[in-house]
Amino acid sequence: MKENKIKIFLIFIIVISPVYSLSFHDDIPPAQLAAAIESEMTDEQALAQLLMLGWVGEDPSPLIMEWIRQRGIGGVKIFGWNTADTQRLARTVGTLQRASLERQYNIPLLVATDQEGGWIRHIKGATSETPGNMAIGASGYPRDAYLSGYYIGKELALLGVNMNFAPSVDLFTNRDSVLIGPRAFGSDPVSTGILGAAFARGQLAAGVIPTAKHYPGHGDTSLDSHGILPRIEINYDTLWNRELVPYRMLVAEGLPAVMSGHLAFPLLESGLTPASLSSWFLRDVLRQRINFKGVVITDDLMMIGATSYLGTVPRTAKQAIIAGNDIIMFSTTPVLNDQIWSYLVNSMRDEEDFRQTVRASARRVLELKLTYLRGPESVPFIPDPVRVEAELPDPEGSAFFLNLAARSVTFVKPVPPDSLFPLTSENSGRVLLAGRFTDFFTYGRAAFPGASSYSYNQTTNPANIVSAARNADTVILCLSDNSDLRMLGSLQQLNKRVIVFSVLSPVYIESVPWVTGAVAVYSYAPESFAAGFSAIIGRIPAQGVLPYEW
């Protein structure tokens, strides 16, 4: 009976009553209202729903406001350069949303960001620093993934951010990767799928739309698609049974959104076409074989990994839509009559198939918004500055992230940890703390009150640290990258007790088997340094397990 009433109402507003205008807030099921609004839209209005743009500065730029007010774009992407002041960001989000809600149909923006946790935290300011995905993998508890997603999402919701480009379900396959590393839960596809699904459910519980990335998987390359198109030389069986396992699991759990990556798989049917521009990857594999029903969004189309294939941004944008992306994302704001816009509009006018593709994507975007952005539990369109001031960082979240950091601390080879730890002021002798992070020294001196400190940078002569360490009995060095590894290598000649305090990816420890011992945490959040030193001195047990094969 209710469905019949809805159908009659839709017939009335679309056919009989030319005066009535549909609204995003009409009490109609998402799929039906999305179809009704899309059918009323002009081609330009439909196309605009596919655009997600970034802007420069902490305040809304005049150009981004023009795109919202005059074109009615579907979304905005918040980058790190927009977010130093969270109060200011909240006001900015409110300004952007008001402009969108004032347009015909009262459609809100998708307001998206990258807040994966750990290393990738685009919205800084008062938000929580967290241990990150590899710490979750080291703890091994799906509940840690769920609560990480929930508390990160809860903070984003306060700021009016309703979509998060997380979880990252790339696998820790290529250990030389400078892009993935500790952003991965680990190397095991099934564990990654379980933890990724739990993280996504936590996000949804906070009202934020999760987005799994970077489809079909960025883990098996050492290259960064921001500056080059990586080639991943695997066959289909490997792809299906390794990279795609997390996506298969998350899609079965009702995942609402996927981000496509700028990655080439030359041994597969897509050849050298980036996955983000490949209909085989997005339509044949993701939609037909994996049965994904949600929205597909590109990674930034300004990245070289995307534009290098077809040569121009307008052609890349059109191919992205043809391939099966529903949202095309740009880190910068084009001028209002940029060739990107005119090229896509003209293509809709001249090519009926392309026009229908755009309109189908607009309908999916509208349905996503209507499903997740309406109702009392959804993210508020206009953030409350009083709540932002009072509730960031989330106090329950802060306690949880400290506990997660503690659960994930890992004692790593080369020596049995029981023969070395706990190491205290009583048995350590004279301690030298060496590293580059302020929090490393803060928590290191709290654990070893009499310790001396040696701070260096990437250009420091390694001979200097050798001189600083000569009078120490124990050196604790913070290892995060190759420049730290260079400093660490210079200490081997001293035959001292050298302990590695690894942050981010622990793989560098493998190249220094001569060190006395090593402890791994997986981010440079204060909680991770506190937990690592607490484990070293025996205040807490090191319960974490490396989430990949040593």
Protein backbone atom coordinates (compact mmCIF):
# COMPACT_ATOMS: atom_id res chain seq x y z
CA MET A 1 0.00 0.00 0.00
CA LYS A 2 2.79 2.44 0.95
CA GLU A 3 4.65 1.69 -2.31
CA ASN A 4 1.51 2.40 -4.34
CA LYS A 5 1.08 5.73 -2.58
CA ILE A 6 4.68 6.63 -3.33
CA LYS A 7 4.24 5.74 -7.01
CA ILE A 8 1.08 7.86 -7.24
CA PHE A 9 2.89 10.74 -5.52
CA LEU A 10 5.83 10.50 -7.94
CA ILE A 11 3.51 10.45 -10.96
CA PHE A 12 1.77 13.53 -9.58
CA ILE A 13 4.91 15.57 -8.95
CA ILE A 14 6.65 14.59 -12.18
CA VAL A 15 3.77 14.59 -14.65
CA ILE A 16 0.70 16.34 -13.27
CA SER A 17 2.15 19.12 -11.17
CA PRO A 18 4.73 21.26 -13.00
CA VAL A 19 4.85 23.64 -10.03
CA TYR A 20 6.03 21.15 -7.40
CA SER A 21 9.80 20.76 -7.11
CA LEU A 22 11.33 17.63 -5.70
CA SER A 23 13.50 17.99 -2.62
CA PHE A 24 16.27 15.90 -1.14
CA HIS A 25 14.23 15.88 2.08
CA ASP A 26 11.04 14.39 0.60
CA ASP A 27 9.91 11.29 2.48
CA ILE A 28 10.49 8.89 -0.40
CA PRO A 29 12.79 5.81 -0.43
CA PRO A 30 16.31 6.61 -1.69
CA ALA A 31 16.25 4.66 -4.96
CA GLN A 32 12.90 6.10 -6.04
CA LEU A 33 13.66 9.68 -5.06
CA ALA A 34 17.11 9.48 -6.70
CA ALA A 35 15.51 8.32 -9.95
CA ALA A 36 12.87 11.05 -9.76
CA ILE A 37 15.37 13.84 -9.14
CA GLU A 38 17.76 12.58 -11.82
CA SER A 39 14.97 12.40 -14.39
CA GLU A 40 14.12 16.07 -13.70
CA MET A 41 17.72 17.27 -13.86
CA THR A 42 19.28 18.92 -16.87
CA ASP A 43 22.33 17.20 -18.32
CA GLU A 44 24.54 19.86 -16.71
CA GLN A 45 22.95 19.30 -13.29
CA ALA A 46 23.45 15.55 -13.61
CA LEU A 47 27.07 15.95 -14.70
CA ALA A 48 27.81 18.27 -11.79
CA GLN A 49 26.86 15.52 -9.32
CA LEU A 50 29.83 13.51 -10.63
CA LEU A 51 32.38 16.19 -9.73
CA MET A 52 34.31 16.32 -6.46
CA LEU A 53 36.76 19.21 -6.22
CA GLY A 54 39.45 20.39 -3.84
CA TRP A 55 40.36 24.01 -3.24
CA VAL A 56 43.32 26.05 -1.98
CA GLY A 57 43.32 27.66 1.45
CA GLU A 58 41.61 27.18 4.79
CA ASP A 59 38.60 29.32 3.87
CA PRO A 60 36.33 28.54 0.90
CA SER A 61 37.87 30.02 -2.24
CA PRO A 62 35.67 32.20 -4.49
CA LEU A 63 36.16 29.61 -7.23
CA ILE A 64 34.90 26.63 -5.23
CA MET A 65 31.89 28.70 -4.18
CA GLU A 66 31.15 29.44 -7.85
CA TRP A 67 31.24 25.72 -8.69
CA ILE A 68 28.75 25.04 -5.91
CA ARG A 69 26.40 28.00 -6.49
CA GLN A 70 26.41 28.06 -10.28
CA ARG A 71 27.01 24.40 -11.17
CA GLY A 72 25.84 22.43 -8.13
CA ILE A 73 28.81 20.05 -7.91
CA GLY A 74 28.26 16.87 -5.97
CA GLY A 75 31.16 16.98 -3.56
CA VAL A 76 34.28 18.56 -2.15
CA LYS A 77 37.50 16.93 -0.97
CA ILE A 78 39.31 18.26 2.10
CA PHE A 79 43.10 18.07 1.90
CA GLY A 80 45.75 18.75 4.52
CA TRP A 81 46.23 22.32 3.31
CA ASN A 82 42.62 23.11 4.29
CA THR A 83 42.74 21.87 7.86
CA ALA A 84 45.26 23.43 10.25
CA ASP A 85 42.47 24.94 12.39
CA THR A 86 39.57 22.57 13.06
CA GLN A 87 37.24 25.36 14.22
CA ARG A 88 37.89 27.19 10.99
CA LEU A 89 37.36 24.00 9.00
CA ALA A 90 33.97 23.50 10.66
CA ARG A 91 32.92 27.00 9.61
CA THR A 92 34.18 26.32 6.08
CA VAL A 93 32.18 23.10 5.79
CA GLY A 94 29.07 24.95 6.98
CA THR A 95 29.59 27.66 4.36
CA LEU A 96 30.02 25.12 1.57
CA GLN A 97 26.97 23.10 2.60
CA ARG A 98 24.70 26.14 2.96
CA ALA A 99 25.53 27.14 -0.61
CA SER A 100 24.69 23.65 -1.87
CA LEU A 101 21.48 23.32 0.14
CA GLU A 102 20.17 26.60 -1.24
CA ARG A 103 20.11 25.24 -4.78
CA GLN A 104 17.23 23.45 -6.46
CA TYR A 105 16.49 20.04 -4.90
CA ASN A 106 18.37 21.03 -1.68
CA ILE A 107 21.05 18.38 -2.34
CA PRO A 108 23.94 18.39 0.16
CA LEU A 109 27.57 17.93 -0.76
CA LEU A 110 29.57 14.83 -0.17
CA VAL A 111 32.32 16.23 2.06
CA ALA A 112 35.24 13.80 1.89
CA THR A 113 38.76 13.49 3.25
CA ASP A 114 41.58 10.99 3.85
CA GLN A 115 41.55 10.15 7.56
CA GLU A 116 42.85 6.59 7.53
CA GLY A 117 44.52 6.87 10.92
CA GLY A 118 48.22 6.66 11.64
CA TRP A 119 50.40 8.13 8.94
CA ILE A 120 47.52 9.46 6.78
CA ARG A 121 45.59 12.13 8.68
CA HIS A 122 44.59 14.97 6.39
CA ILE A 123 42.49 16.73 9.01
CA LYS A 124 44.91 17.63 11.78
CA GLY A 125 44.31 20.42 14.28
CA ALA A 126 42.42 19.02 17.28
CA THR A 127 41.67 15.56 15.82
CA SER A 128 43.14 12.42 17.37
CA GLU A 129 46.50 11.05 16.31
CA THR A 130 46.09 7.31 16.05
CA PRO A 131 48.30 4.18 15.83
CA GLY A 132 47.09 3.33 12.30
CA ASN A 133 46.22 0.25 10.27
CA MET A 134 49.42 -1.75 10.76
CA ALA A 135 49.01 -1.34 14.53
CA ILE A 136 45.52 -2.80 14.15
CA GLY A 137 47.04 -5.65 12.16
CA ALA A 138 49.65 -6.21 14.89
CA SER A 139 46.97 -6.34 17.60
CA GLY A 140 44.88 -8.63 15.41
CA TYR A 141 41.51 -7.76 16.97
CA PRO A 142 38.61 -6.86 14.64
CA ARG A 143 37.15 -4.82 17.51
CA ASP A 144 40.23 -2.58 17.35
CA ALA A 145 39.49 -2.00 13.66
CA TYR A 146 35.82 -1.31 14.37
CA LEU A 147 36.52 1.18 17.14
CA SER A 148 39.27 2.88 15.14
CA GLY A 149 36.77 3.44 12.32
CA TYR A 150 34.12 4.53 14.80
CA TYR A 151 36.17 7.09 16.72
CA ILE A 152 37.80 8.51 13.59
CA GLY A 153 34.32 8.74 12.06
CA LYS A 154 32.86 10.34 15.18
CA GLU A 155 35.41 13.15 15.00
CA LEU A 156 34.84 13.63 11.27
CA ALA A 157 31.09 13.82 11.83
CA LEU A 158 31.54 16.68 14.30
CA LEU A 159 33.26 18.60 11.51
CA GLY A 160 30.55 17.87 8.96
CA VAL A 161 32.71 15.41 7.01
CA ASN A 162 30.36 12.70 5.77
CA MET A 163 32.66 10.55 3.61
CA ASN A 164 36.08 9.11 4.42
CA PHE A 165 38.49 7.58 1.94
CA ALA A 166 39.24 4.69 4.27
CA PRO A 167 39.84 1.88 4.96
CA SER A 168 42.94 1.31 2.87
CA VAL A 169 42.86 -2.42 2.11
CA ASP A 170 46.06 -2.49 0.06
CA LEU A 171 48.24 -5.43 1.10
CA PHE A 172 51.72 -5.18 2.57
CA THR A 173 53.22 -7.10 -0.35
CA ASN A 174 56.09 -4.98 -1.67
CA ARG A 175 58.17 -4.00 1.34
CA ASP A 176 59.91 -1.20 -0.54
CA SER A 177 56.66 0.69 -1.02
CA VAL A 178 56.97 4.33 -0.01
CA LEU A 179 53.23 4.89 -0.46
CA ILE A 180 51.59 2.02 1.46
CA GLY A 181 53.82 0.63 4.22
CA PRO A 182 52.05 1.07 7.59
CA ARG A 183 48.81 2.11 5.83
CA ALA A 184 48.25 -1.63 5.26
CA PHE A 185 46.71 -3.87 7.91
CA GLY A 186 49.23 -6.51 6.88
CA SER A 187 50.09 -8.96 4.12
CA ASP A 188 47.33 -11.53 4.59
CA PRO A 189 44.31 -10.91 2.30
CA VAL A 190 41.72 -12.55 4.57
CA SER A 191 42.90 -10.76 7.71
CA THR A 192 42.91 -7.51 5.76
CA GLY A 193 39.36 -8.17 4.61
CA ILE A 194 38.17 -8.91 8.15
CA LEU A 195 39.83 -5.83 9.62
CA GLY A 196 38.79 -3.64 6.69
CA ALA A 197 35.17 -4.72 7.01
CA ALA A 198 35.22 -4.03 10.75
CA PHE A 199 36.74 -0.58 10.18
CA ALA A 200 34.05 0.20 7.58
CA ARG A 201 31.28 -0.86 9.96
CA GLY A 202 32.73 1.42 12.63
CA GLN A 203 32.69 4.34 10.20
CA LEU A 204 29.06 3.63 9.31
CA ALA A 205 28.12 3.48 13.00
CA ALA A 206 29.45 7.04 13.27
CA GLY A 207 27.39 8.10 10.24
CA VAL A 208 30.36 8.42 7.86
CA ILE A 209 30.47 6.73 4.45
CA PRO A 210 33.54 4.42 4.20
CA THR A 211 35.46 4.03 0.94
CA ALA A 212 37.75 1.05 0.37
CA LYS A 213 40.91 1.82 -1.62
CA HIS A 214 43.00 1.70 -3.79
CA TYR A 215 41.13 -0.75 -6.03
CA PRO A 216 42.31 -3.21 -7.20
CA GLY A 217 45.36 -2.94 -4.90
CA HIS A 218 48.42 -0.69 -4.58
CA GLY A 219 50.47 -2.99 -2.37
CA ASP A 220 52.64 -4.86 -4.88
CA THR A 221 54.68 -1.92 -6.17
CA SER A 222 57.40 0.31 -4.78
CA LEU A 223 56.24 3.19 -7.01
CA ASP A 224 53.90 6.04 -6.14
CA SER A 225 51.01 6.70 -8.54
CA HIS A 226 51.13 10.41 -7.70
CA GLY A 227 54.20 10.72 -9.92
CA ILE A 228 54.13 7.69 -12.24
CA LEU A 229 51.84 4.92 -13.47
CA PRO A 230 53.02 1.82 -11.56
CA ARG A 231 52.95 -1.53 -13.36
CA ILE A 232 52.05 -4.57 -11.30
CA GLU A 233 53.11 -7.79 -13.04
CA ILE A 234 50.68 -10.40 -11.72
CA ASN A 235 48.28 -12.84 -13.39
CA TYR A 236 44.54 -13.02 -12.87
CA ASP A 237 44.64 -15.89 -10.38
CA THR A 238 46.98 -13.91 -8.14
CA LEU A 239 44.80 -10.83 -8.47
CA TRP A 240 41.60 -12.70 -7.63
CA ASN A 241 43.04 -14.70 -4.73
CA ARG A 242 45.20 -11.97 -3.23
CA GLU A 243 44.51 -8.29 -4.07
CA LEU A 244 40.77 -8.70 -4.61
CA VAL A 245 40.02 -10.81 -1.53
CA PRO A 246 39.47 -7.79 0.77
CA TYR A 247 37.14 -6.18 -1.80
CA ARG A 248 35.19 -9.40 -2.23
CA MET A 249 34.73 -9.58 1.53
CA LEU A 250 33.78 -5.92 2.00
CA VAL A 251 31.35 -5.93 -0.92
CA ALA A 252 29.60 -8.94 0.62
CA GLU A 253 29.24 -6.82 3.77
CA GLY A 254 27.48 -4.01 1.88
CA LEU A 255 30.39 -1.63 1.22
CA PRO A 256 28.95 1.66 -0.13
CA ALA A 257 31.98 3.09 -1.99
CA VAL A 258 35.26 2.09 -3.66
CA MET A 259 38.14 4.30 -4.82
CA SER A 260 39.81 3.25 -8.07
CA GLY A 261 43.60 3.41 -8.25
CA HIS A 262 45.90 4.60 -11.02
CA LEU A 263 47.66 1.26 -11.50
CA ALA A 264 48.48 -0.76 -14.62
CA PHE A 265 48.37 -4.57 -14.77
CA PRO A 266 50.02 -5.43 -18.11
CA LEU A 267 49.50 -9.20 -17.81
CA LEU A 268 45.73 -8.81 -17.50
CA GLU A 269 42.99 -7.97 -19.99
CA SER A 270 43.28 -4.26 -19.14
CA GLY A 271 46.86 -4.16 -20.44
CA LEU A 272 48.55 -0.82 -19.76
CA THR A 273 45.28 1.02 -19.15
CA PRO A 274 45.18 2.29 -15.55
CA ALA A 275 42.61 0.39 -13.49
CA SER A 276 40.88 3.71 -12.80
CA LEU A 277 40.27 4.10 -16.55
CA SER A 278 39.54 0.45 -17.34
CA SER A 279 35.99 -0.76 -17.94
CA TRP A 280 37.30 -4.32 -17.57
CA PHE A 281 38.39 -3.61 -13.99
CA LEU A 282 35.42 -1.46 -12.99
CA ARG A 283 32.51 -2.97 -14.91
CA ASP A 284 33.49 -6.56 -15.70
CA VAL A 285 35.35 -7.46 -12.50
CA LEU A 286 34.08 -5.08 -9.80
CA ARG A 287 30.45 -4.72 -10.81
CA GLN A 288 29.70 -8.00 -12.60
CA ARG A 289 31.95 -10.58 -10.99
CA ILE A 290 32.27 -9.13 -7.46
CA ASN A 291 28.72 -7.73 -7.67
CA PHE A 292 29.48 -4.27 -6.27
CA LYS A 293 26.37 -2.05 -6.26
CA GLY A 294 27.76 1.12 -4.71
CA VAL A 295 29.59 4.21 -5.94
CA VAL A 296 33.04 4.18 -7.55
CA ILE A 297 35.20 7.28 -7.16
CA THR A 298 38.54 7.98 -8.80
CA ASP A 299 41.69 8.80 -6.95
CA ASP A 300 42.81 12.34 -7.80
CA LEU A 301 42.72 12.72 -11.59
CA MET A 302 45.49 15.30 -11.41
CA MET A 303 47.94 12.52 -10.51
CA ILE A 304 50.48 11.54 -13.15
CA GLY A 305 49.37 7.93 -12.82
CA ALA A 306 46.04 9.00 -14.36
CA THR A 307 46.93 11.73 -16.85
CA SER A 308 50.01 10.06 -18.36
CA TYR A 309 47.88 7.46 -20.15
CA LEU A 310 45.71 9.73 -22.33
CA GLY A 311 47.74 12.89 -22.08
CA THR A 312 45.09 15.47 -21.15
CA VAL A 313 42.88 15.90 -18.10
CA PRO A 314 39.60 16.33 -20.08
CA ARG A 315 40.13 13.08 -22.00
CA THR A 316 41.14 11.33 -18.78
CA ALA A 317 37.99 12.58 -17.02
CA LYS A 318 35.73 11.36 -19.83
CA GLN A 319 37.40 7.94 -19.96
CA ALA A 320 37.09 7.63 -16.18
CA ILE A 321 33.32 8.04 -16.48
CA ILE A 322 33.05 5.68 -19.46
CA ALA A 323 35.10 3.08 -17.57
CA GLY A 324 32.66 3.06 -14.67
CA ASN A 325 33.59 5.72 -12.13
CA ASP A 326 30.59 7.54 -10.71
CA ILE A 327 32.59 10.41 -9.18
CA ILE A 328 35.68 12.02 -10.68
CA MET A 329 37.86 13.75 -8.13
CA PHE A 330 40.28 16.66 -8.65
CA SER A 331 42.62 18.01 -5.99
CA THR A 332 42.46 21.50 -7.50
CA THR A 333 39.59 23.71 -8.62
CA PRO A 334 39.38 24.28 -12.40
CA VAL A 335 38.13 27.64 -13.64
CA LEU A 336 34.39 27.60 -14.15
CA ASN A 337 34.53 27.26 -17.94
CA ASP A 338 37.58 25.03 -17.98
CA GLN A 339 37.96 22.62 -20.89
CA ILE A 340 37.20 19.72 -18.53
CA TRP A 341 33.64 20.97 -18.09
CA SER A 342 33.02 22.02 -21.68
CA TYR A 343 34.48 18.79 -23.06
CA LEU A 344 32.22 16.64 -20.87
CA VAL A 345 29.11 18.75 -21.57
CA ASN A 346 29.72 18.63 -25.33
CA SER A 347 30.30 14.88 -25.14
CA MET A 348 26.93 14.45 -23.44
CA ARG A 349 25.29 16.51 -26.16
CA ASP A 350 26.94 14.60 -29.00
CA GLU A 351 27.05 11.03 -27.64
CA GLU A 352 23.84 9.52 -26.29
CA ASP A 353 25.64 6.54 -24.75
CA PHE A 354 27.93 8.85 -22.79
CA ARG A 355 24.97 10.98 -21.74
CA GLN A 356 23.16 7.94 -20.36
CA THR A 357 26.32 6.80 -18.57
CA VAL A 358 26.62 10.17 -16.84
CA ARG A 359 22.97 10.16 -15.82
CA ALA A 360 23.20 6.61 -14.44
CA SER A 361 26.18 7.67 -12.32
CA ALA A 362 24.34 10.79 -11.12
CA ARG A 363 21.48 8.55 -10.00
CA ARG A 364 23.88 6.32 -8.04
CA VAL A 365 25.48 9.36 -6.38
CA LEU A 366 22.06 10.73 -5.42
CA GLU A 367 21.01 7.36 -4.02
CA LEU A 368 24.20 7.19 -1.95
CA LYS A 369 23.47 10.63 -0.50
CA LEU A 370 19.81 9.85 0.14
CA THR A 371 20.74 6.59 1.87
CA TYR A 372 23.42 7.96 4.21
CA LEU A 373 22.93 11.72 4.53
CA ARG A 374 19.31 11.82 5.71
CA GLY A 375 17.93 11.04 9.14
CA PRO A 376 18.70 11.82 12.77
CA GLU A 377 21.86 9.67 12.86
CA SER A 378 23.46 11.19 9.79
CA VAL A 379 26.34 13.68 9.82
CA PRO A 380 25.06 17.25 10.35
CA PHE A 381 25.31 19.47 7.30
CA ILE A 382 26.23 22.51 9.40
CA PRO A 383 28.78 21.70 12.14
CA ASP A 384 28.23 23.09 15.63
CA PRO A 385 31.36 25.12 16.62
CA VAL A 386 30.56 24.71 20.32
CA ARG A 387 30.59 20.92 20.02
CA VAL A 388 33.75 21.00 17.90
CA GLU A 389 35.50 23.02 20.60
CA ALA A 390 34.25 20.81 23.42
CA GLU A 391 34.50 17.32 21.89
CA LEU A 392 37.72 17.28 19.83
CA PRO A 393 39.71 15.19 20.37
CA ASP A 394 37.17 12.62 21.46
CA PRO A 395 38.06 11.68 25.06
CA GLU A 396 36.84 8.08 24.77
CA GLY A 397 38.69 7.80 21.48
CA SER A 398 41.91 9.09 23.04
CA ALA A 399 41.73 6.39 25.73
CA PHE A 400 41.01 3.72 23.15
CA PHE A 401 43.86 4.76 20.84
CA LEU A 402 46.32 4.66 23.76
CA ASN A 403 45.15 1.11 24.55
CA LEU A 404 45.44 0.12 20.89
CA ALA A 405 48.98 1.47 20.78
CA ALA A 406 49.80 -0.61 23.87
CA ARG A 407 48.25 -3.79 22.43
CA SER A 408 50.17 -3.43 19.19
CA VAL A 409 53.72 -2.91 20.51
CA THR A 410 55.89 -5.66 19.04
CA PHE A 411 59.27 -6.96 20.15
CA VAL A 412 61.13 -7.85 16.97
CA LYS A 413 64.11 -10.09 16.27
CA PRO A 414 67.12 -10.44 16.17
CA VAL A 415 67.47 -11.53 19.83
CA PRO A 416 64.92 -13.22 22.11
CA PRO A 417 63.23 -10.30 23.85
CA ASP A 418 63.29 -12.01 27.26
CA SER A 419 67.08 -11.76 27.26
CA LEU A 420 66.98 -7.98 26.85
CA PHE A 421 63.71 -6.53 28.14
CA PRO A 422 62.71 -5.06 30.44
CA LEU A 423 65.46 -2.51 30.16
CA THR A 424 65.37 0.01 33.00
CA SER A 425 67.48 2.82 34.39
CA GLU A 426 69.04 0.27 36.75
CA ASN A 427 70.40 -2.11 34.10
CA SER A 428 70.77 0.12 31.05
CA GLY A 429 73.83 2.09 32.10
CA ARG A 430 74.25 5.44 30.36
CA VAL A 431 71.54 5.85 27.73
CA LEU A 432 71.68 7.93 24.54
CA LEU A 433 68.40 8.67 22.76
CA ALA A 434 68.93 9.41 19.06
CA GLY A 435 66.27 10.41 16.58
CA ARG A 436 64.26 13.13 14.85
CA PHE A 437 60.84 13.16 16.57
CA THR A 438 60.14 15.43 19.51
CA ASP A 439 57.78 12.92 21.12
CA PHE A 440 60.46 10.23 20.94
CA PHE A 441 62.67 12.32 23.20
CA THR A 442 59.78 13.34 25.46
CA TYR A 443 58.73 9.79 26.25
CA GLY A 444 62.27 8.45 26.10
CA ARG A 445 63.43 10.82 28.83
CA ALA A 446 60.37 9.92 30.92
CA ALA A 447 61.38 6.25 30.70
CA PHE A 448 65.11 6.95 31.22
CA PRO A 449 65.33 10.18 33.24
CA GLY A 450 69.12 10.39 33.09
CA ALA A 451 69.38 9.81 29.34
CA SER A 452 71.22 12.18 27.03
CA SER A 453 69.77 13.12 23.63
CA TYR A 454 71.11 13.43 20.13
CA SER A 455 68.80 15.01 17.56
CA TYR A 456 69.81 14.89 13.91
CA ASN A 457 68.29 15.56 10.49
CA GLN A 458 68.56 13.95 7.08
CA THR A 459 71.74 15.83 6.21
CA THR A 460 73.64 15.14 9.45
CA ASN A 461 77.05 13.51 9.03
CA PRO A 462 76.84 9.96 10.50
CA ALA A 463 80.25 10.50 12.09
CA ASN A 464 78.62 12.95 14.49
CA ILE A 465 76.33 10.34 16.02
CA VAL A 466 79.32 8.03 16.48
CA SER A 467 81.03 10.72 18.56
CA ALA A 468 77.85 11.31 20.58
CA ALA A 469 77.48 7.58 21.31
CA ARG A 470 81.04 6.82 22.47
CA ASN A 471 80.31 7.47 26.15
CA ALA A 472 76.95 5.67 26.17
CA ASP A 473 76.35 2.11 27.29
CA THR A 474 72.99 1.84 25.51
CA VAL A 475 71.85 3.67 22.38
CA ILE A 476 68.13 3.76 21.56
CA LEU A 477 67.66 5.02 18.00
CA CYS A 478 64.33 5.90 16.41
CA LEU A 479 64.17 4.26 12.97
CA SER A 480 61.58 5.35 10.41
CA ASP A 481 63.27 5.51 6.98
CA ASN A 482 66.50 5.11 5.01
CA SER A 483 68.07 8.27 6.43
CA ASP A 484 67.68 6.85 9.94
CA LEU A 485 69.07 3.54 8.68
CA ARG A 486 72.18 5.36 7.47
CA MET A 487 72.70 6.87 10.94
CA LEU A 488 72.08 3.51 12.59
CA GLY A 489 74.62 1.74 10.38
CA SER A 490 77.37 4.01 11.57
CA LEU A 491 76.92 2.71 15.15
CA GLN A 492 77.84 -0.88 14.32
CA GLN A 493 81.56 -0.15 14.65
CA LEU A 494 81.16 0.78 18.34
CA ASN A 495 80.03 -2.66 19.58
CA LYS A 496 77.53 -0.99 21.91
CA ARG A 497 74.14 -2.19 23.05
CA VAL A 498 71.96 -0.68 20.32
CA ILE A 499 68.19 -0.87 20.47
CA VAL A 500 66.01 0.12 17.54
CA PHE A 501 62.76 1.93 18.28
CA SER A 502 60.96 1.42 14.96
CA VAL A 503 58.07 3.65 13.92
CA LEU A 504 55.93 3.30 10.76
CA SER A 505 57.10 0.26 8.74
CA PRO A 506 59.37 -2.16 10.65
CA VAL A 507 60.98 -3.60 7.50
CA TYR A 508 64.15 -1.58 7.97
CA ILE A 509 65.00 -3.70 11.03
CA GLU A 510 65.63 -6.66 8.74
CA SER A 511 68.73 -4.97 7.29
CA VAL A 512 70.42 -4.52 10.68
CA PRO A 513 70.63 -8.03 12.19
CA TRP A 514 73.58 -6.88 14.33
CA VAL A 515 71.50 -4.64 16.62
CA THR A 516 70.92 -5.87 20.17
CA GLY A 517 67.14 -5.72 19.94
CA ALA A 518 64.20 -3.88 18.46
CA VAL A 519 60.72 -2.73 19.38
CA ALA A 520 58.15 -1.77 16.75
CA VAL A 521 55.27 0.66 16.89
CA TYR A 522 53.45 1.71 13.75
CA SER A 523 52.96 5.46 13.85
CA TYR A 524 54.60 8.58 15.25
CA ALA A 525 51.55 9.46 17.35
CA PRO A 526 52.43 10.36 20.97
CA GLU A 527 50.48 7.29 22.13
CA SER A 528 52.77 5.03 20.08
CA PHE A 529 55.93 6.48 21.61
CA ALA A 530 54.41 6.21 25.10
CA ALA A 531 53.46 2.58 24.50
CA GLY A 532 56.81 1.61 22.98
CA PHE A 533 58.86 2.97 25.87
CA SER A 534 56.42 1.47 28.39
CA ALA A 535 57.07 -1.95 26.85
CA ILE A 536 60.85 -1.42 26.84
CA ILE A 537 60.94 -0.70 30.58
CA GLY A 538 58.47 -3.51 31.41
CA ARG A 539 55.50 -1.40 32.41
CA ILE A 540 53.31 -3.19 29.85
CA PRO A 541 53.77 -6.45 27.92
CA ALA A 542 54.55 -6.31 24.21
CA GLN A 543 51.59 -8.27 22.82
CA GLY A 544 51.77 -7.29 19.16
CA VAL A 545 52.69 -9.68 16.34
CA LEU A 546 54.21 -8.52 13.06
CA PRO A 547 51.32 -8.66 10.54
CA TYR A 548 53.55 -10.02 7.78
CA GLU A 549 56.19 -12.72 7.34
CA TRP A 550 59.60 -11.73 8.73
